[in-house]
N, C-alpha and C. Protein backbone atom coordinates (compact mmCIF):
# COMPACT_ATOMS: atom_id res chain seq x y z
N MET A 1 10.61 4.31 7.43
CA MET A 1 9.90 3.71 6.32
C MET A 1 8.59 3.13 6.85
N ARG A 2 7.50 3.47 6.21
CA ARG A 2 6.18 2.95 6.59
C ARG A 2 5.98 1.56 5.98
N VAL A 3 5.59 0.63 6.84
CA VAL A 3 5.33 -0.75 6.45
C VAL A 3 3.96 -1.14 7.00
N TYR A 4 3.21 -1.88 6.21
CA TYR A 4 1.92 -2.39 6.64
C TYR A 4 2.07 -3.87 6.94
N GLN A 5 1.40 -4.32 8.02
CA GLN A 5 1.46 -5.75 8.32
C GLN A 5 0.08 -6.28 8.70
N TYR A 6 -0.12 -7.54 8.36
CA TYR A 6 -1.33 -8.28 8.71
C TYR A 6 -0.89 -9.64 9.22
N LYS A 7 -1.21 -9.92 10.45
CA LYS A 7 -0.86 -11.21 11.06
C LYS A 7 -1.99 -12.19 10.77
N SER A 8 -1.83 -12.96 9.72
CA SER A 8 -2.86 -13.93 9.31
C SER A 8 -2.68 -15.22 10.10
N PRO A 9 -3.69 -16.10 10.05
CA PRO A 9 -3.55 -17.39 10.72
C PRO A 9 -2.42 -18.26 10.16
N LEU A 10 -1.98 -17.97 8.94
CA LEU A 10 -0.92 -18.77 8.31
C LEU A 10 0.46 -18.13 8.40
N GLY A 11 0.53 -16.86 8.78
CA GLY A 11 1.82 -16.18 8.84
C GLY A 11 1.67 -14.69 8.60
N LEU A 12 2.79 -14.00 8.63
CA LEU A 12 2.82 -12.55 8.54
C LEU A 12 2.90 -12.06 7.10
N PHE A 13 1.95 -11.20 6.73
CA PHE A 13 2.02 -10.47 5.47
C PHE A 13 2.62 -9.10 5.74
N LEU A 14 3.50 -8.65 4.86
CA LEU A 14 4.06 -7.30 4.92
C LEU A 14 3.89 -6.64 3.57
N ILE A 15 3.55 -5.36 3.59
CA ILE A 15 3.55 -4.55 2.38
C ILE A 15 4.52 -3.42 2.66
N LYS A 16 5.59 -3.37 1.87
CA LYS A 16 6.60 -2.35 2.14
C LYS A 16 7.13 -1.75 0.84
N PRO A 17 7.58 -0.49 0.94
CA PRO A 17 8.06 0.19 -0.27
C PRO A 17 9.33 -0.46 -0.81
N GLN A 18 9.44 -0.42 -2.13
CA GLN A 18 10.62 -0.92 -2.81
C GLN A 18 11.41 0.28 -3.34
N THR A 19 12.68 0.08 -3.62
CA THR A 19 13.51 1.18 -4.13
C THR A 19 13.02 1.69 -5.49
N SER A 20 12.27 0.89 -6.19
CA SER A 20 11.74 1.27 -7.51
C SER A 20 10.56 2.23 -7.41
N GLY A 21 10.06 2.45 -6.18
CA GLY A 21 8.87 3.28 -6.01
C GLY A 21 7.59 2.47 -5.96
N ARG A 22 7.70 1.18 -6.18
CA ARG A 22 6.54 0.30 -6.10
C ARG A 22 6.44 -0.27 -4.69
N TRP A 23 5.43 -1.09 -4.45
CA TRP A 23 5.21 -1.72 -3.14
C TRP A 23 5.34 -3.23 -3.28
N GLY A 24 6.11 -3.85 -2.38
CA GLY A 24 6.28 -5.29 -2.39
C GLY A 24 5.35 -5.95 -1.39
N LEU A 25 4.77 -7.06 -1.80
CA LEU A 25 3.94 -7.88 -0.91
C LEU A 25 4.76 -9.09 -0.49
N TRP A 26 5.03 -9.19 0.81
CA TRP A 26 5.83 -10.27 1.37
C TRP A 26 4.95 -11.16 2.25
N PHE A 27 5.19 -12.46 2.20
CA PHE A 27 4.47 -13.41 3.04
C PHE A 27 5.46 -14.45 3.53
N LYS A 28 5.60 -14.54 4.84
CA LYS A 28 6.54 -15.47 5.47
C LYS A 28 7.94 -15.33 4.87
N GLY A 29 8.36 -14.08 4.64
CA GLY A 29 9.70 -13.81 4.15
C GLY A 29 9.90 -13.95 2.66
N GLU A 30 8.86 -14.24 1.90
CA GLU A 30 8.96 -14.42 0.45
C GLU A 30 8.22 -13.29 -0.26
N LEU A 31 8.88 -12.69 -1.25
CA LEU A 31 8.25 -11.66 -2.06
C LEU A 31 7.26 -12.30 -3.02
N LEU A 32 5.97 -11.95 -2.86
CA LEU A 32 4.94 -12.52 -3.72
C LEU A 32 4.65 -11.66 -4.94
N GLY A 33 4.88 -10.35 -4.83
CA GLY A 33 4.59 -9.49 -5.97
C GLY A 33 4.98 -8.05 -5.72
N SER A 34 4.99 -7.29 -6.81
CA SER A 34 5.32 -5.87 -6.78
C SER A 34 4.11 -5.11 -7.34
N TYR A 35 3.70 -4.05 -6.65
CA TYR A 35 2.44 -3.37 -6.97
C TYR A 35 2.65 -1.85 -7.10
N HIS A 36 1.75 -1.20 -7.82
CA HIS A 36 1.82 0.25 -7.98
C HIS A 36 1.40 0.99 -6.72
N SER A 37 0.68 0.31 -5.82
CA SER A 37 0.25 0.94 -4.57
C SER A 37 0.12 -0.11 -3.47
N ALA A 38 0.18 0.36 -2.23
CA ALA A 38 -0.02 -0.54 -1.10
C ALA A 38 -1.44 -1.09 -1.12
N MET A 39 -2.40 -0.27 -1.54
CA MET A 39 -3.80 -0.70 -1.60
C MET A 39 -3.98 -1.86 -2.57
N ALA A 40 -3.29 -1.81 -3.70
CA ALA A 40 -3.40 -2.89 -4.68
C ALA A 40 -2.87 -4.21 -4.10
N ALA A 41 -1.78 -4.13 -3.34
CA ALA A 41 -1.23 -5.33 -2.70
C ALA A 41 -2.21 -5.88 -1.66
N ALA A 42 -2.77 -4.99 -0.84
CA ALA A 42 -3.74 -5.41 0.18
C ALA A 42 -4.98 -6.02 -0.47
N ASP A 43 -5.36 -5.51 -1.63
CA ASP A 43 -6.53 -6.05 -2.33
C ASP A 43 -6.28 -7.49 -2.78
N ASP A 44 -5.06 -7.80 -3.23
CA ASP A 44 -4.77 -9.18 -3.61
C ASP A 44 -4.83 -10.11 -2.41
N VAL A 45 -4.42 -9.63 -1.23
CA VAL A 45 -4.54 -10.44 -0.02
C VAL A 45 -6.02 -10.69 0.27
N TYR A 46 -6.83 -9.62 0.22
CA TYR A 46 -8.26 -9.74 0.50
C TYR A 46 -8.95 -10.69 -0.50
N MET A 47 -8.59 -10.55 -1.76
CA MET A 47 -9.21 -11.38 -2.81
C MET A 47 -8.62 -12.79 -2.86
N GLN A 48 -7.61 -13.03 -2.04
CA GLN A 48 -6.90 -14.30 -2.02
C GLN A 48 -6.38 -14.65 -3.42
N ALA A 49 -5.67 -13.68 -3.97
CA ALA A 49 -5.06 -13.81 -5.30
C ALA A 49 -3.58 -13.45 -5.22
N THR A 50 -2.89 -14.01 -4.23
CA THR A 50 -1.50 -13.66 -3.97
C THR A 50 -0.50 -14.55 -4.70
N GLY A 51 -0.93 -15.73 -5.10
CA GLY A 51 -0.01 -16.71 -5.66
C GLY A 51 0.48 -17.72 -4.64
N ASP A 52 0.16 -17.50 -3.36
CA ASP A 52 0.49 -18.48 -2.33
C ASP A 52 -0.70 -19.42 -2.18
N TYR A 53 -0.51 -20.68 -2.57
CA TYR A 53 -1.63 -21.63 -2.63
C TYR A 53 -2.33 -21.78 -1.29
N ALA A 54 -1.58 -21.93 -0.21
CA ALA A 54 -2.19 -22.15 1.10
C ALA A 54 -3.09 -20.98 1.48
N TRP A 55 -2.63 -19.75 1.22
CA TRP A 55 -3.43 -18.57 1.56
C TRP A 55 -4.62 -18.44 0.61
N ASP A 56 -4.35 -18.57 -0.67
CA ASP A 56 -5.39 -18.32 -1.68
C ASP A 56 -6.54 -19.32 -1.60
N THR A 57 -6.33 -20.47 -0.99
CA THR A 57 -7.39 -21.48 -0.87
C THR A 57 -7.95 -21.60 0.55
N LEU A 58 -7.45 -20.80 1.47
CA LEU A 58 -7.90 -20.85 2.87
C LEU A 58 -9.35 -20.38 2.97
N LYS A 59 -10.16 -21.10 3.70
CA LYS A 59 -11.57 -20.75 3.88
C LYS A 59 -11.85 -20.38 5.33
N GLY A 60 -12.87 -19.57 5.55
CA GLY A 60 -13.37 -19.29 6.88
C GLY A 60 -12.52 -18.39 7.74
N VAL A 61 -11.75 -17.50 7.12
CA VAL A 61 -10.92 -16.57 7.88
C VAL A 61 -11.34 -15.14 7.57
N ARG A 62 -11.32 -14.29 8.61
CA ARG A 62 -11.63 -12.88 8.40
C ARG A 62 -10.38 -12.18 7.85
N ILE A 63 -10.54 -11.53 6.71
CA ILE A 63 -9.42 -10.87 6.03
C ILE A 63 -9.69 -9.37 5.99
N PRO A 64 -8.69 -8.54 6.27
CA PRO A 64 -8.90 -7.09 6.17
C PRO A 64 -9.39 -6.70 4.77
N MET A 65 -10.43 -5.88 4.73
CA MET A 65 -11.03 -5.50 3.45
C MET A 65 -10.18 -4.52 2.66
N ASP A 66 -9.41 -3.67 3.34
CA ASP A 66 -8.52 -2.75 2.63
C ASP A 66 -7.36 -2.37 3.54
N ILE A 67 -6.45 -1.58 3.00
CA ILE A 67 -5.21 -1.24 3.68
C ILE A 67 -5.44 -0.52 5.01
N SER A 68 -6.58 0.14 5.16
CA SER A 68 -6.85 0.87 6.41
C SER A 68 -6.99 -0.07 7.60
N GLU A 69 -7.25 -1.35 7.34
CA GLU A 69 -7.39 -2.33 8.41
C GLU A 69 -6.08 -3.05 8.74
N TRP A 70 -5.02 -2.72 8.03
CA TRP A 70 -3.71 -3.31 8.29
C TRP A 70 -3.02 -2.48 9.38
N GLU A 71 -2.15 -3.10 10.14
CA GLU A 71 -1.36 -2.39 11.14
C GLU A 71 -0.20 -1.66 10.47
N VAL A 72 0.01 -0.41 10.85
CA VAL A 72 1.14 0.36 10.31
C VAL A 72 2.30 0.28 11.30
N VAL A 73 3.44 -0.09 10.81
CA VAL A 73 4.66 -0.14 11.62
C VAL A 73 5.76 0.64 10.91
N GLU A 74 6.64 1.18 11.68
CA GLU A 74 7.81 1.87 11.11
C GLU A 74 9.01 0.95 11.22
N ARG A 75 9.75 0.82 10.15
CA ARG A 75 10.93 -0.06 10.15
C ARG A 75 12.14 0.71 9.72
């Protein structure tokens, strides 16, 4: 299974496939949302629109612009 990860200063983000065919966005072990594509989930991380207050209000951090900048891991 292909999983995308981004090691942020606040913790680990994971984007991984769900059994429904959608993609789940996980942060520090908590499911933040379900998306139609991995790119859409990565975009919410970039736009800081994840629903996690600490991440969404963090300033001065370099964030991957799209999914191509995330690390791909097999799980």
